[in-house]
């Protein structure tokens, strides 16, 4: 195995919720990442603001009827697509 001497550690950043809620938020996050001086950056993006609640609501609707989820899916497409 090769030596790890001289290798820079990874910087891992996780963003989700309101930090990635819209395009302006994504631009802000991108600015933070571009300003980082470490060339080894990993980024984890979780659900956008409101998405987790929307998905949980879809599950609740699906438990009642699979026909009931089309409105929720359309709302997600319009709001996040």
N, C-alpha and C. Protein backbone atom coordinates (compact mmCIF):
# COMPACT_ATOMS: atom_id res chain seq x y z
N UNK A 1 0.84 -1.18 0.00
CA UNK A 1 0.00 0.00 0.00
C UNK A 1 0.88 1.24 0.00
N UNK A 2 0.38 2.29 -0.63
CA UNK A 2 1.13 3.53 -0.71
C UNK A 2 1.06 4.32 0.59
N UNK A 3 1.98 5.23 0.73
CA UNK A 3 2.03 6.08 1.91
C UNK A 3 0.94 7.13 1.86
N UNK A 4 0.37 7.44 3.01
CA UNK A 4 -0.65 8.48 3.09
C UNK A 4 -0.03 9.84 3.40
N UNK A 5 1.27 9.88 3.55
CA UNK A 5 1.95 11.14 3.86
C UNK A 5 1.72 12.13 2.72
N UNK A 6 1.40 13.33 3.07
CA UNK A 6 1.20 14.37 2.07
C UNK A 6 -0.20 14.43 1.51
N UNK A 7 -1.03 13.46 1.80
CA UNK A 7 -2.41 13.49 1.30
C UNK A 7 -3.27 14.30 2.26
N UNK A 8 -4.09 15.14 1.68
CA UNK A 8 -4.98 15.97 2.49
C UNK A 8 -6.25 15.18 2.81
N UNK A 9 -6.76 15.33 4.00
CA UNK A 9 -7.99 14.67 4.41
C UNK A 9 -9.18 15.24 3.65
N UNK A 10 -10.22 14.45 3.59
CA UNK A 10 -11.46 14.90 2.97
C UNK A 10 -12.20 15.85 3.90
N UNK A 11 -12.83 16.84 3.33
CA UNK A 11 -13.76 17.71 4.06
C UNK A 11 -15.16 17.30 3.60
N UNK A 12 -15.99 16.84 4.52
CA UNK A 12 -17.33 16.37 4.17
C UNK A 12 -18.34 17.37 4.70
N UNK A 13 -19.23 17.81 3.81
CA UNK A 13 -20.27 18.78 4.17
C UNK A 13 -21.63 18.16 3.87
N UNK A 14 -22.58 18.35 4.78
CA UNK A 14 -23.94 17.86 4.60
C UNK A 14 -24.89 19.05 4.62
N UNK A 15 -25.73 19.12 3.61
CA UNK A 15 -26.72 20.19 3.53
C UNK A 15 -28.09 19.58 3.32
N UNK A 16 -29.08 20.19 3.90
CA UNK A 16 -30.46 19.73 3.73
C UNK A 16 -31.42 20.75 4.28
N UNK A 17 -32.69 20.47 4.16
CA UNK A 17 -33.73 21.35 4.68
C UNK A 17 -33.69 22.73 4.07
N UNK A 18 -33.76 23.74 4.91
CA UNK A 18 -33.82 25.11 4.41
C UNK A 18 -32.53 25.57 3.75
N UNK A 19 -31.40 24.87 3.99
CA UNK A 19 -30.15 25.28 3.35
C UNK A 19 -30.15 24.94 1.86
N UNK A 20 -31.07 24.08 1.41
CA UNK A 20 -31.21 23.76 -0.01
C UNK A 20 -32.67 23.88 -0.45
N UNK A 21 -33.37 24.84 0.12
CA UNK A 21 -34.80 24.99 -0.13
C UNK A 21 -35.13 25.57 -1.49
N UNK A 22 -34.24 26.35 -2.08
CA UNK A 22 -34.52 26.95 -3.38
C UNK A 22 -33.21 27.27 -4.10
N UNK A 23 -33.33 27.85 -5.29
CA UNK A 23 -32.14 28.11 -6.11
C UNK A 23 -31.16 29.06 -5.42
N UNK A 24 -31.66 30.08 -4.74
CA UNK A 24 -30.77 31.01 -4.04
C UNK A 24 -29.97 30.28 -2.96
N UNK A 25 -30.63 29.36 -2.27
CA UNK A 25 -29.94 28.58 -1.24
C UNK A 25 -28.86 27.70 -1.85
N UNK A 26 -29.16 27.09 -2.99
CA UNK A 26 -28.15 26.27 -3.66
C UNK A 26 -26.95 27.11 -4.07
N UNK A 27 -27.21 28.34 -4.55
CA UNK A 27 -26.11 29.23 -4.92
C UNK A 27 -25.25 29.58 -3.70
N UNK A 28 -25.89 29.80 -2.56
CA UNK A 28 -25.17 30.11 -1.33
C UNK A 28 -24.28 28.93 -0.91
N UNK A 29 -24.84 27.73 -0.99
CA UNK A 29 -24.07 26.52 -0.66
C UNK A 29 -22.90 26.37 -1.64
N UNK A 30 -23.16 26.58 -2.93
CA UNK A 30 -22.09 26.48 -3.92
C UNK A 30 -20.98 27.48 -3.63
N UNK A 31 -21.34 28.68 -3.23
CA UNK A 31 -20.34 29.70 -2.87
C UNK A 31 -19.48 29.26 -1.71
N UNK A 32 -20.11 28.65 -0.71
CA UNK A 32 -19.35 28.15 0.44
C UNK A 32 -18.37 27.06 0.01
N UNK A 33 -18.82 26.18 -0.85
CA UNK A 33 -17.96 25.08 -1.28
C UNK A 33 -16.83 25.56 -2.19
N UNK A 34 -17.13 26.50 -3.07
CA UNK A 34 -16.09 27.04 -3.95
C UNK A 34 -15.04 27.82 -3.17
N UNK A 35 -15.42 28.42 -2.06
CA UNK A 35 -14.48 29.20 -1.24
C UNK A 35 -13.58 28.30 -0.39
N UNK A 36 -13.94 27.03 -0.28
CA UNK A 36 -13.17 26.09 0.54
C UNK A 36 -11.81 25.85 -0.09
N UNK A 37 -10.77 25.84 0.72
CA UNK A 37 -9.42 25.68 0.17
C UNK A 37 -8.98 24.22 0.05
N UNK A 38 -9.79 23.29 0.50
CA UNK A 38 -9.46 21.88 0.40
C UNK A 38 -9.96 21.34 -0.94
N UNK A 39 -9.09 20.78 -1.76
CA UNK A 39 -9.53 20.25 -3.04
C UNK A 39 -10.30 18.93 -2.93
N UNK A 40 -10.28 18.33 -1.74
CA UNK A 40 -10.96 17.05 -1.53
C UNK A 40 -12.21 17.29 -0.70
N UNK A 41 -13.29 17.61 -1.40
CA UNK A 41 -14.56 17.93 -0.74
C UNK A 41 -15.61 16.90 -1.16
N UNK A 42 -16.33 16.39 -0.18
CA UNK A 42 -17.48 15.53 -0.43
C UNK A 42 -18.71 16.27 0.06
N UNK A 43 -19.77 16.20 -0.72
CA UNK A 43 -21.00 16.90 -0.37
C UNK A 43 -22.15 15.91 -0.33
N UNK A 44 -22.90 15.93 0.76
CA UNK A 44 -24.09 15.11 0.92
C UNK A 44 -25.28 16.06 0.98
N UNK A 45 -26.25 15.85 0.10
CA UNK A 45 -27.45 16.69 0.09
C UNK A 45 -28.63 15.80 0.45
N UNK A 46 -29.31 16.17 1.53
CA UNK A 46 -30.50 15.43 1.93
C UNK A 46 -31.73 16.15 1.39
N UNK A 47 -32.87 15.81 1.86
CA UNK A 47 -34.12 16.36 1.34
C UNK A 47 -34.17 17.88 1.44
N UNK A 48 -34.71 18.47 0.39
CA UNK A 48 -34.90 19.92 0.36
C UNK A 48 -35.95 20.31 1.39
N UNK A 49 -35.97 21.58 1.74
CA UNK A 49 -36.95 22.07 2.70
C UNK A 49 -38.37 21.69 2.33
N UNK A 50 -39.07 21.06 3.24
CA UNK A 50 -40.46 20.67 3.01
C UNK A 50 -40.63 19.31 2.36
N UNK A 51 -39.58 18.77 1.76
CA UNK A 51 -39.69 17.50 1.03
C UNK A 51 -39.99 16.33 1.95
N UNK A 52 -39.34 16.24 3.09
CA UNK A 52 -39.58 15.12 4.00
C UNK A 52 -41.05 15.10 4.42
N UNK A 53 -41.59 16.26 4.77
CA UNK A 53 -43.01 16.32 5.15
C UNK A 53 -43.92 15.94 3.99
N UNK A 54 -43.57 16.38 2.77
CA UNK A 54 -44.38 16.05 1.60
C UNK A 54 -44.36 14.54 1.35
N UNK A 55 -43.19 13.91 1.49
CA UNK A 55 -43.09 12.47 1.29
C UNK A 55 -43.85 11.69 2.37
N UNK A 56 -43.77 12.16 3.61
CA UNK A 56 -44.53 11.50 4.68
C UNK A 56 -46.04 11.61 4.44
N UNK A 57 -46.47 12.75 3.93
CA UNK A 57 -47.89 12.93 3.59
C UNK A 57 -48.30 11.97 2.47
N UNK A 58 -47.43 11.78 1.48
CA UNK A 58 -47.72 10.82 0.41
C UNK A 58 -47.90 9.40 0.97
N UNK A 59 -47.07 9.05 1.95
CA UNK A 59 -47.20 7.72 2.57
C UNK A 59 -48.55 7.59 3.25
N UNK A 60 -48.94 8.63 3.97
CA UNK A 60 -50.25 8.62 4.64
C UNK A 60 -51.37 8.48 3.63
N UNK A 61 -51.28 9.22 2.53
CA UNK A 61 -52.30 9.13 1.48
C UNK A 61 -52.31 7.74 0.84
N UNK A 62 -51.13 7.18 0.60
CA UNK A 62 -51.04 5.86 -0.04
C UNK A 62 -51.63 4.77 0.85
N UNK A 63 -51.52 4.95 2.16
CA UNK A 63 -52.11 3.98 3.09
C UNK A 63 -53.63 3.96 2.95
N UNK A 64 -54.22 5.11 2.60
CA UNK A 64 -55.67 5.19 2.40
C UNK A 64 -56.07 4.63 1.04
N UNK A 65 -55.31 5.04 0.00
CA UNK A 65 -55.63 4.61 -1.35
C UNK A 65 -54.50 5.01 -2.29
N UNK A 66 -54.10 4.10 -3.15
CA UNK A 66 -53.03 4.43 -4.10
C UNK A 66 -53.49 5.51 -5.07
N UNK A 67 -54.79 5.64 -5.28
CA UNK A 67 -55.31 6.69 -6.16
C UNK A 67 -55.19 8.07 -5.53
N UNK A 68 -55.06 8.12 -4.22
CA UNK A 68 -55.04 9.40 -3.50
C UNK A 68 -53.71 10.12 -3.60
N UNK A 69 -52.67 9.48 -4.09
CA UNK A 69 -51.35 10.11 -4.07
C UNK A 69 -51.03 10.94 -5.30
N UNK A 70 -51.82 10.84 -6.36
CA UNK A 70 -51.48 11.56 -7.59
C UNK A 70 -51.43 13.06 -7.38
N UNK A 71 -52.32 13.61 -6.58
CA UNK A 71 -52.29 15.05 -6.30
C UNK A 71 -51.04 15.47 -5.56
N UNK A 72 -50.59 14.65 -4.61
CA UNK A 72 -49.37 14.94 -3.87
C UNK A 72 -48.13 14.84 -4.73
N UNK A 73 -48.12 13.85 -5.62
CA UNK A 73 -46.99 13.72 -6.54
C UNK A 73 -46.93 14.91 -7.48
N UNK A 74 -48.08 15.32 -8.00
CA UNK A 74 -48.12 16.50 -8.87
C UNK A 74 -47.63 17.76 -8.14
N UNK A 75 -48.02 17.91 -6.88
CA UNK A 75 -47.58 19.07 -6.10
C UNK A 75 -46.07 19.09 -5.92
N UNK A 76 -45.48 17.93 -5.68
CA UNK A 76 -44.02 17.84 -5.54
C UNK A 76 -43.35 18.19 -6.87
N UNK A 77 -43.90 17.66 -7.95
CA UNK A 77 -43.33 17.97 -9.28
C UNK A 77 -43.35 19.47 -9.55
N UNK A 78 -44.46 20.11 -9.23
CA UNK A 78 -44.59 21.55 -9.50
C UNK A 78 -43.73 22.38 -8.57
N UNK A 79 -43.63 21.96 -7.31
CA UNK A 79 -42.89 22.73 -6.33
C UNK A 79 -41.40 22.52 -6.36
N UNK A 80 -40.96 21.34 -6.81
CA UNK A 80 -39.56 21.00 -6.75
C UNK A 80 -38.98 20.61 -8.10
N UNK A 81 -39.79 20.47 -9.11
CA UNK A 81 -39.31 19.97 -10.40
C UNK A 81 -38.74 21.00 -11.30
